[in-house]
Protein backbone atom coordinates (compact mmCIF):
# COMPACT_ATOMS: atom_id res chain seq x y z
CA MET A 1 8.01 136.34 -146.12
CA GLU A 2 6.82 134.80 -149.38
CA TYR A 3 9.83 136.29 -151.20
CA LEU A 4 12.40 134.72 -148.90
CA PRO A 5 14.62 132.13 -150.65
CA VAL A 6 13.94 128.62 -149.45
CA GLU A 7 17.57 128.35 -148.27
CA VAL A 8 17.07 131.34 -145.94
CA ILE A 9 13.91 129.76 -144.54
CA GLY A 10 15.93 126.60 -143.91
CA ASN A 11 18.43 128.65 -141.90
CA ILE A 12 15.57 130.21 -139.90
CA LEU A 13 14.13 126.79 -139.08
CA SER A 14 17.61 125.53 -138.14
CA ARG A 15 17.95 128.31 -135.59
CA LEU A 16 14.72 127.18 -133.92
CA GLY A 17 16.43 123.87 -133.19
CA ALA A 18 13.67 122.17 -131.18
CA ALA A 19 11.93 119.57 -133.35
CA ARG A 20 8.44 120.53 -132.15
CA ASP A 21 8.97 124.21 -133.06
CA VAL A 22 10.40 123.27 -136.44
CA VAL A 23 7.42 121.06 -137.28
CA ILE A 24 4.94 123.77 -136.27
CA ALA A 25 6.78 126.49 -138.20
CA SER A 26 7.18 124.34 -141.30
CA SER A 27 3.42 123.85 -141.52
CA THR A 28 3.03 127.56 -142.40
CA CYS A 29 3.00 126.91 -146.15
CA ARG A 30 4.39 124.64 -148.84
CA LYS A 31 7.56 126.71 -149.19
CA TRP A 32 8.38 126.34 -145.48
CA ARG A 33 7.62 122.64 -145.75
CA GLN A 34 10.11 122.40 -148.61
CA ALA A 35 12.69 124.25 -146.52
CA TRP A 36 12.23 121.71 -143.74
CA THR A 37 12.74 118.69 -145.96
CA SER A 38 15.59 120.06 -148.10
CA HIS A 39 17.40 122.83 -146.23
CA LEU A 40 17.07 122.09 -142.51
CA HIS A 41 20.53 121.73 -140.93
CA THR A 42 19.84 121.49 -137.18
CA LEU A 43 17.31 119.36 -135.32
CA THR A 44 16.93 118.79 -131.57
CA PHE A 45 14.84 116.33 -129.60
CA ASN A 46 15.15 117.26 -125.93
CA SER A 47 12.89 115.72 -123.32
CA ASN A 48 13.23 118.85 -121.20
CA ASP A 49 11.84 121.10 -123.92
CA TRP A 50 8.37 119.54 -124.09
CA PRO A 51 6.59 117.74 -121.18
CA VAL A 52 4.64 115.57 -123.64
CA TYR A 53 7.82 113.60 -124.34
CA HIS A 54 7.41 112.06 -120.87
CA GLU A 55 3.75 111.21 -121.46
CA LEU A 56 4.17 109.32 -124.74
CA THR A 57 4.75 105.59 -124.86
CA ARG A 58 8.17 104.46 -125.97
CA SER A 59 6.93 103.11 -129.30
CA ARG A 60 4.95 106.28 -130.06
CA LEU A 61 7.96 108.46 -129.30
CA GLU A 62 10.18 106.32 -131.52
CA ILE A 63 7.69 106.70 -134.38
CA ILE A 64 7.50 110.50 -134.01
CA ILE A 65 11.29 110.89 -133.99
CA THR A 66 11.70 108.49 -136.91
CA GLN A 67 9.10 110.28 -139.04
CA THR A 68 10.59 113.70 -138.26
CA ILE A 69 14.19 112.73 -139.04
CA PHE A 70 13.31 110.80 -142.18
CA GLN A 71 11.60 113.85 -143.67
CA THR A 72 14.85 115.80 -143.57
CA ASN A 73 17.66 115.65 -146.07
CA GLY A 74 21.17 116.74 -145.16
CA LEU A 75 21.16 117.37 -141.40
CA HIS A 76 24.43 118.83 -140.10
CA SER A 77 23.58 118.83 -136.37
CA LEU A 78 21.39 116.28 -134.56
CA SER A 79 20.64 116.33 -130.83
CA ILE A 80 18.75 113.46 -129.22
CA LEU A 81 18.69 114.18 -125.49
CA MET A 82 16.25 111.90 -123.71
CA ASP A 83 16.71 112.27 -119.96
CA ASP A 84 14.23 110.42 -117.73
CA VAL A 85 12.69 108.66 -120.71
CA ASP A 86 12.27 104.88 -120.97
CA GLU A 87 14.92 102.96 -122.85
CA PHE A 88 14.43 102.90 -126.61
CA SER A 89 14.64 99.87 -128.83
CA ALA A 90 18.00 99.67 -130.57
CA ALA A 91 16.61 99.25 -134.09
CA PRO A 92 15.00 102.71 -134.60
CA VAL A 93 17.95 104.51 -132.98
CA ILE A 94 20.34 102.70 -135.32
CA ALA A 95 18.11 103.78 -138.20
CA TRP A 96 18.34 107.47 -137.13
CA LEU A 97 22.11 107.31 -136.97
CA MET A 98 22.55 105.44 -140.25
CA TYR A 99 20.18 107.80 -142.09
CA THR A 100 21.98 110.97 -140.99
CA ARG A 101 25.62 109.96 -140.48
CA GLU A 102 26.98 110.87 -143.92
CA THR A 103 26.04 114.56 -143.58
CA LEU A 104 26.29 115.03 -139.80
CA ARG A 105 28.93 117.35 -138.41
CA GLN A 106 27.59 117.47 -134.82
CA LEU A 107 25.94 114.72 -132.79
CA TYR A 108 24.66 115.20 -129.22
CA TYR A 109 23.51 111.80 -128.07
CA ASN A 110 21.91 110.91 -124.74
CA VAL A 111 19.77 107.88 -125.43
CA ARG A 112 19.48 104.68 -123.43
CA THR A 113 18.77 101.65 -125.59
CA THR A 114 18.11 97.95 -125.19
CA PRO A 115 20.43 96.37 -126.19
CA ASN A 116 23.28 98.90 -125.98
CA ILE A 117 24.40 100.41 -129.30
CA ASN A 118 28.03 100.65 -130.34
CA ILE A 119 27.87 104.33 -131.21
CA LEU A 120 31.46 104.38 -132.43
CA GLU A 121 30.76 101.70 -134.97
CA LYS A 122 27.75 103.60 -136.35
CA CYS A 123 29.39 107.03 -136.50
CA GLY A 124 33.05 106.25 -137.14
CA ARG A 125 34.82 106.97 -140.45
CA GLN A 126 32.47 109.88 -141.13
CA ARG A 127 32.89 113.68 -141.00
CA LEU A 128 31.74 114.33 -137.45
CA GLU A 129 33.40 117.37 -135.89
CA VAL A 130 31.49 117.40 -132.57
CA LEU A 131 30.47 114.30 -130.60
CA ALA A 132 28.83 114.51 -127.17
CA LEU A 133 27.82 111.20 -125.59
CA ALA A 134 25.97 110.70 -122.31
CA HIS A 135 24.68 107.70 -120.34
CA ASN A 136 26.24 105.12 -122.65
CA THR A 137 28.60 102.19 -122.44
CA ILE A 138 31.59 101.97 -124.76
CA THR A 139 33.43 98.70 -125.21
CA GLY A 140 35.90 97.16 -127.62
CA VAL A 141 37.29 100.28 -129.29
CA GLU A 142 39.15 99.51 -132.52
CA PRO A 143 41.04 102.69 -133.51
CA SER A 144 42.13 101.24 -136.85
CA TYR A 145 38.48 100.76 -137.84
CA GLN A 146 36.46 103.22 -135.73
CA LYS A 147 38.33 106.36 -136.74
CA PHE A 148 37.01 109.91 -136.32
CA PRO A 149 39.31 111.80 -138.71
CA CYS A 150 37.53 115.18 -138.44
CA LEU A 151 36.48 115.19 -134.77
CA LYS A 152 37.56 118.34 -132.88
CA PHE A 153 35.23 118.29 -129.84
CA LEU A 154 34.58 115.19 -127.73
CA SER A 155 32.42 115.12 -124.59
CA LEU A 156 31.76 112.00 -122.53
CA SER A 157 29.29 112.31 -119.61
CA TYR A 158 28.18 109.42 -117.41
CA VAL A 159 29.80 107.02 -119.84
CA SER A 160 31.09 103.63 -118.72
CA MET A 161 34.26 102.38 -120.38
CA SER A 162 37.64 100.88 -119.58
CA ALA A 163 40.77 102.96 -119.26
CA LEU A 164 42.20 101.17 -122.29
CA ASP A 165 39.14 101.94 -124.42
CA LEU A 166 39.33 105.64 -123.50
CA THR A 167 43.01 105.66 -124.46
CA LEU A 168 42.25 103.96 -127.78
CA PHE A 169 39.27 106.24 -128.42
CA LEU A 170 41.48 109.30 -128.09
CA THR A 171 43.97 107.70 -130.46
CA ALA A 172 41.16 107.32 -133.00
CA CYS A 173 40.59 111.11 -132.94
CA PRO A 174 43.80 112.59 -134.43
CA LYS A 175 42.39 116.15 -134.66
CA VAL A 176 40.56 116.42 -131.35
CA GLU A 177 41.15 119.79 -129.65
CA VAL A 178 38.60 119.80 -126.80
CA LEU A 179 37.95 116.87 -124.44
CA ASN A 180 35.32 116.90 -121.66
CA LEU A 181 35.12 113.98 -119.23
CA VAL A 182 32.25 114.26 -116.73
CA SER A 183 31.37 111.55 -114.21
CA ILE A 184 32.75 108.82 -116.42
CA ASP A 185 32.88 105.35 -114.91
CA ILE A 186 36.36 104.05 -115.65
CA VAL A 187 36.58 100.28 -115.40
CA MET A 188 40.01 99.21 -114.22
CA SER A 189 41.18 95.62 -114.53
CA ASP A 190 44.04 96.38 -112.14
CA PRO A 191 43.09 98.38 -108.99
CA GLN A 192 46.48 100.17 -109.16
CA ALA A 193 46.38 100.71 -112.92
CA THR A 194 47.34 104.01 -114.54
CA MET A 195 45.22 105.69 -117.17
CA GLU A 196 47.39 107.16 -119.90
CA LEU A 197 45.94 109.62 -122.41
CA THR A 198 47.99 110.81 -125.37
CA SER A 199 47.09 113.43 -127.97
CA ASN A 200 49.23 115.74 -130.06
CA SER A 201 46.25 117.91 -131.05
CA LEU A 202 44.47 118.36 -127.70
CA LYS A 203 44.27 121.99 -126.54
CA ASP A 204 41.57 121.99 -123.86
CA ILE A 205 40.65 119.30 -121.32
CA TYR A 206 37.94 119.45 -118.64
CA VAL A 207 37.67 116.62 -116.10
CA GLU A 208 34.84 116.56 -113.54
CA ALA A 209 33.78 114.05 -110.88
CA VAL A 210 36.34 111.41 -111.80
CA SER A 211 38.00 109.12 -109.24
CA LEU A 212 41.20 107.35 -110.23
CA ASP A 213 44.55 106.37 -108.79
CA LYS A 214 46.69 107.96 -111.48
CA ILE A 215 46.28 109.87 -114.72
CA ILE A 216 49.14 110.60 -117.08
CA LEU A 217 48.22 113.07 -119.80
CA GLU A 218 50.64 113.57 -122.68
CA ALA A 219 49.44 116.55 -124.71
CA ASP A 220 52.11 118.69 -126.34
CA SER A 221 49.62 121.36 -127.51
CA LEU A 222 47.54 121.64 -124.33
CA GLU A 223 46.52 125.22 -123.46
CA LYS A 224 43.74 124.71 -120.87
CA LEU A 225 43.56 122.23 -118.00
CA HIS A 226 40.51 122.26 -115.71
CA LEU A 227 40.00 119.69 -112.95
CA LYS A 228 36.81 119.83 -110.87
CA ASP A 229 35.45 117.69 -108.04
CA CYS A 230 37.94 114.89 -108.69
CA THR A 231 39.64 112.41 -106.38
CA LEU A 232 43.09 111.40 -107.62
CA GLU A 233 46.28 110.13 -106.10
CA ASP A 234 48.49 111.32 -108.93
CA PHE A 235 47.99 113.60 -111.91
CA GLU A 236 50.89 114.11 -114.26
CA LEU A 237 50.94 116.38 -117.30
CA VAL A 238 53.59 115.90 -119.96
CA SER A 239 53.53 118.83 -122.34
CA LYS A 240 55.72 121.29 -124.23
CA GLY A 241 54.95 124.41 -122.25
CA LYS A 242 51.93 125.78 -124.13
CA LEU A 243 49.62 125.65 -121.10
CA LYS A 244 47.91 129.02 -120.55
CA LEU A 245 45.13 128.20 -118.06
CA LEU A 246 45.25 125.96 -115.00
CA LYS A 247 42.02 125.66 -113.01
CA ILE A 248 41.55 123.37 -110.01
CA ASP A 249 38.24 123.32 -108.16
CA ASP A 250 37.45 121.06 -105.20
CA VAL A 251 40.02 118.41 -106.13
CA SER A 252 41.67 115.92 -103.83
CA VAL A 253 45.07 114.96 -105.24
CA ILE A 254 48.18 113.76 -103.42
CA HIS A 255 50.66 114.50 -106.19
CA LEU A 256 50.06 117.10 -108.92
CA ASP A 257 52.78 117.53 -111.52
CA ILE A 258 52.52 119.79 -114.56
CA GLY A 259 56.21 119.39 -115.32
CA GLU A 260 57.69 122.11 -117.53
CA SER A 261 54.26 123.29 -118.67
CA ALA A 262 54.07 126.43 -116.51
CA GLU A 263 56.24 128.85 -118.47
CA ASN A 264 53.38 130.32 -120.53
CA LEU A 265 50.65 130.19 -117.88
CA GLU A 266 48.46 133.30 -117.94
CA ILE A 267 45.66 132.23 -115.58
CA VAL A 268 45.87 130.10 -112.42
CA ASP A 269 42.57 129.55 -110.59
CA VAL A 270 42.61 127.28 -107.53
CA SER A 271 39.62 126.93 -105.18
CA ASN A 272 38.51 124.58 -102.39
CA PHE A 273 41.90 122.94 -102.45
CA THR A 274 44.54 121.94 -99.92
CA ILE A 275 47.96 123.25 -100.92
CA MET A 276 51.50 123.22 -99.64
CA TRP A 277 52.58 126.74 -100.57
CA SER A 278 56.25 125.89 -101.13
CA LYS A 279 55.43 123.07 -103.58
CA PHE A 280 52.62 124.99 -105.26
CA HIS A 281 54.79 128.07 -105.71
CA HIS A 282 57.61 125.93 -107.11
CA MET A 283 55.17 124.46 -109.65
CA ILE A 284 54.13 127.85 -111.07
CA ALA A 285 57.20 129.97 -110.18
CA LYS A 286 58.37 130.18 -113.82
CA SER A 287 55.03 131.62 -114.99
CA SER A 288 56.37 135.11 -115.66
CA LYS A 289 53.45 135.81 -118.02
CA LEU A 290 50.82 135.19 -115.33
CA ARG A 291 48.04 137.80 -115.48
CA ARG A 292 45.40 136.31 -113.16
CA LEU A 293 45.98 134.43 -109.92
CA ARG A 294 43.05 133.17 -107.85
CA LEU A 295 43.56 131.20 -104.63
CA TRP A 296 40.06 130.90 -103.18
CA GLN A 297 39.10 129.09 -100.00
CA VAL A 298 42.38 127.22 -100.07
CA VAL A 299 43.62 125.37 -97.02
CA PHE A 300 47.31 125.14 -96.20
CA ASP A 301 48.80 121.75 -95.49
CA ASP A 302 51.06 123.31 -92.85
CA ASP A 303 49.54 125.55 -90.17
CA ASP A 304 52.56 127.88 -90.35
CA GLU A 305 52.23 128.45 -94.10
CA ALA A 306 50.63 131.39 -95.89
CA VAL A 307 50.64 132.92 -99.34
CA ASP A 308 53.88 134.84 -99.75
CA ILE A 309 52.78 138.14 -101.32
CA GLU A 310 56.36 139.31 -101.80
CA THR A 311 57.17 136.18 -103.80
CA ILE A 312 54.06 136.73 -105.92
CA SER A 313 55.23 140.26 -106.65
CA ALA A 314 58.70 139.07 -107.68
CA CYS A 315 57.66 136.09 -109.80
CA PHE A 316 54.61 137.49 -111.59
CA PRO A 317 55.40 141.04 -112.76
CA GLN A 318 52.49 141.09 -115.26
CA LEU A 319 49.86 140.13 -112.66
CA SER A 320 46.77 142.33 -113.10
CA HIS A 321 44.04 140.37 -111.24
CA LEU A 322 44.67 138.92 -107.79
CA SER A 323 42.01 137.01 -105.83
CA LEU A 324 42.73 135.60 -102.37
CA SER A 325 40.57 133.90 -99.76
CA TYR A 326 41.97 131.70 -97.01
CA GLU A 327 42.14 131.44 -93.24
CA LEU A 328 44.30 134.28 -92.00
CA ARG A 329 47.03 133.94 -89.41
CA GLU A 330 49.46 136.43 -87.97
CA THR A 331 52.28 134.86 -90.01
CA GLY A 332 50.50 135.78 -93.23
CA LEU A 333 50.45 139.50 -92.44
CA GLN A 334 54.16 140.26 -92.29
CA TYR A 335 54.75 142.41 -95.37
CA GLY A 336 57.83 144.33 -94.30
CA SER A 337 58.09 148.02 -95.13
CA GLU A 338 55.72 149.57 -97.66
CA ASP A 339 58.55 150.06 -100.15
CA SER A 340 59.90 146.51 -99.87
CA PHE A 341 57.75 145.31 -102.78
CA ARG A 342 54.76 146.39 -104.86
CA LEU A 343 52.17 144.78 -107.07
CA GLU A 344 52.54 147.46 -109.71
CA ASN A 345 50.21 146.06 -112.36
CA VAL A 346 47.38 144.75 -110.17
CA VAL A 347 44.22 146.67 -111.13
CA VAL A 348 41.61 144.30 -109.68
CA LEU A 349 41.92 142.89 -106.16
CA GLU A 350 39.39 140.38 -104.79
CA LEU A 351 39.62 139.40 -101.13
CA GLY A 352 37.37 137.08 -99.16
CA TRP A 353 37.01 135.78 -95.65
CA MET A 354 35.98 132.40 -94.38
CA VAL A 355 35.58 133.69 -90.81
CA ILE A 356 35.53 137.44 -90.24
CA SER A 357 38.15 138.71 -87.80
CA ASP A 358 40.16 141.84 -87.07
CA LEU A 359 43.06 140.29 -89.00
CA PHE A 360 41.08 140.65 -92.19
CA SER A 361 41.00 144.45 -91.88
CA HIS A 362 44.79 144.65 -91.48
CA TRP A 363 45.24 142.24 -94.40
CA VAL A 364 43.11 144.40 -96.70
CA ALA A 365 44.97 147.55 -95.66
CA GLY A 366 48.37 145.93 -96.20
CA LEU A 367 47.51 144.73 -99.69
CA LEU A 368 46.01 148.07 -100.70
CA GLU A 369 49.27 149.81 -99.81
CA ARG A 370 51.11 147.54 -102.23
CA CYS A 371 48.78 148.00 -105.21
CA PRO A 372 49.47 151.61 -106.30
CA ASN A 373 47.54 151.28 -109.58
CA LEU A 374 44.49 149.49 -108.20
CA ARG A 375 41.16 150.40 -109.81
CA LYS A 376 38.73 147.95 -108.23
CA LEU A 377 38.48 146.22 -104.85
CA VAL A 378 35.90 143.47 -104.27
CA ILE A 379 35.27 142.14 -100.77
CA TYR A 380 33.58 138.73 -100.48
CA GLY A 381 32.24 137.52 -97.15
CA VAL A 382 30.04 134.90 -95.56
CA VAL A 383 27.56 136.20 -92.99
CA SER A 384 25.89 133.52 -90.90
CA GLU A 385 22.12 133.61 -90.43
CA THR A 386 22.49 133.34 -86.67
CA LYS A 387 24.87 136.12 -85.69
CA THR A 388 26.26 136.45 -82.19
CA HIS A 389 26.83 139.85 -80.63
CA GLU A 390 30.56 139.38 -81.16
CA GLU A 391 30.12 138.64 -84.88
CA CYS A 392 27.94 141.73 -85.32
CA HIS A 393 30.49 143.84 -83.48
CA THR A 394 33.36 142.52 -85.65
CA LEU A 395 31.40 143.13 -88.86
CA ALA A 396 30.51 146.66 -87.73
CA ASN A 397 34.15 147.40 -86.90
CA PHE A 398 35.24 146.11 -90.29
CA THR A 399 32.66 148.29 -92.09
CA SER A 400 33.81 151.37 -90.21
CA PHE A 401 37.43 150.53 -90.90
CA ILE A 402 36.82 150.17 -94.64
CA VAL A 403 34.97 153.50 -94.77
CA ARG A 404 37.94 155.24 -93.15
CA LEU A 405 40.50 153.32 -95.20
CA MET A 406 38.94 154.05 -98.58
CA ARG A 407 39.12 157.79 -97.99
CA LYS A 408 42.80 157.33 -98.85
CA TYR A 409 41.90 155.52 -102.08
CA LEU A 410 39.14 157.59 -103.67
CA HIS A 411 40.18 156.42 -107.15
CA VAL A 412 39.40 152.78 -106.25
CA HIS A 413 35.90 151.39 -106.88
CA VAL A 414 34.80 149.25 -103.92
CA GLN A 415 32.25 146.44 -104.17
CA PHE A 416 30.91 144.10 -101.48
CA GLU A 417 29.54 140.62 -102.13
CA TYR A 418 28.05 138.92 -99.04
CA GLU A 419 26.29 135.58 -98.81
């Protein structure tokens, strides 16, 4: 170890990350101490890493963090994640940011301060490439002054800000490619106001636990759109057709419009969602490049609706992974003759039940007949803790049916996942 270059030791310490581990390791010898002060690139203060963080007084913790940061020179990544810790004084936190901002490329910041710190003012006009903010308030964004010219990744979690400030913030990040919005508190001056987000560089957006009337997203380069646990009246995407992934999980939305963005879709994953099949199919019908389609625990707006397997076969010739789970009805089992259509390229088929019934067995058999090149079948089911005699009988019949059925498909690997 004594022959290792000090730069290599600095890289080793940077991989440790946690400030406590870095301090302990750097006390090994003078050379490691030198590596800490001159060649350390990554430093993390995380209240979940060390219980003692919760036992120290606020002032003592501020002193420890200040002394540790001020002994470094040239940090590239700084994480200060202080969950369940008392609010810090603003002055030392400002000192940490001002001391490191010229060399920082990544900042992960979850610190509550009194008074609140304008983090954009302290970190703007620098070379930050990654900025993750949590439990903060952002006000008065000035994009002409608070620019982030190099920022590519932006994450806002439990952040309070106005819709206008979020719009302006995105404008101040001309190179941003990834945007995560989690449980942000959007302050609307007008109850019926629309939040408009515009970015020519954005490729990936993730929105979780957000409640708004309307969001209009203009992103010509967008490739991934993921909405989770959101309540929206309207969501409109204006793009130039580069979207490759659409994922919707437990979202309540009255009107969803992705415009002409579906042509290059490769993955559509929808779960815990109420759909009107005719409208949903119309939205993605032009996705001839679709490889994966997942409709899981979806509920149909009309009782007479069901997923049209024949339409799926016709519209998505490249489909290789198909996952379906919804309440079965007789109307959803009319496939026509075996030769009427086939899912030629489907190699993985995942099927799940909400409530086990004899219909499920016929559904599985019908789909297997139409997947001549299938390699893997996965059955997902929910088995209640308190099972009636009828439920046990139905499950037993299904098991026997599958055993008999799969004798016809010995080349297919079968897997069961019950919960």
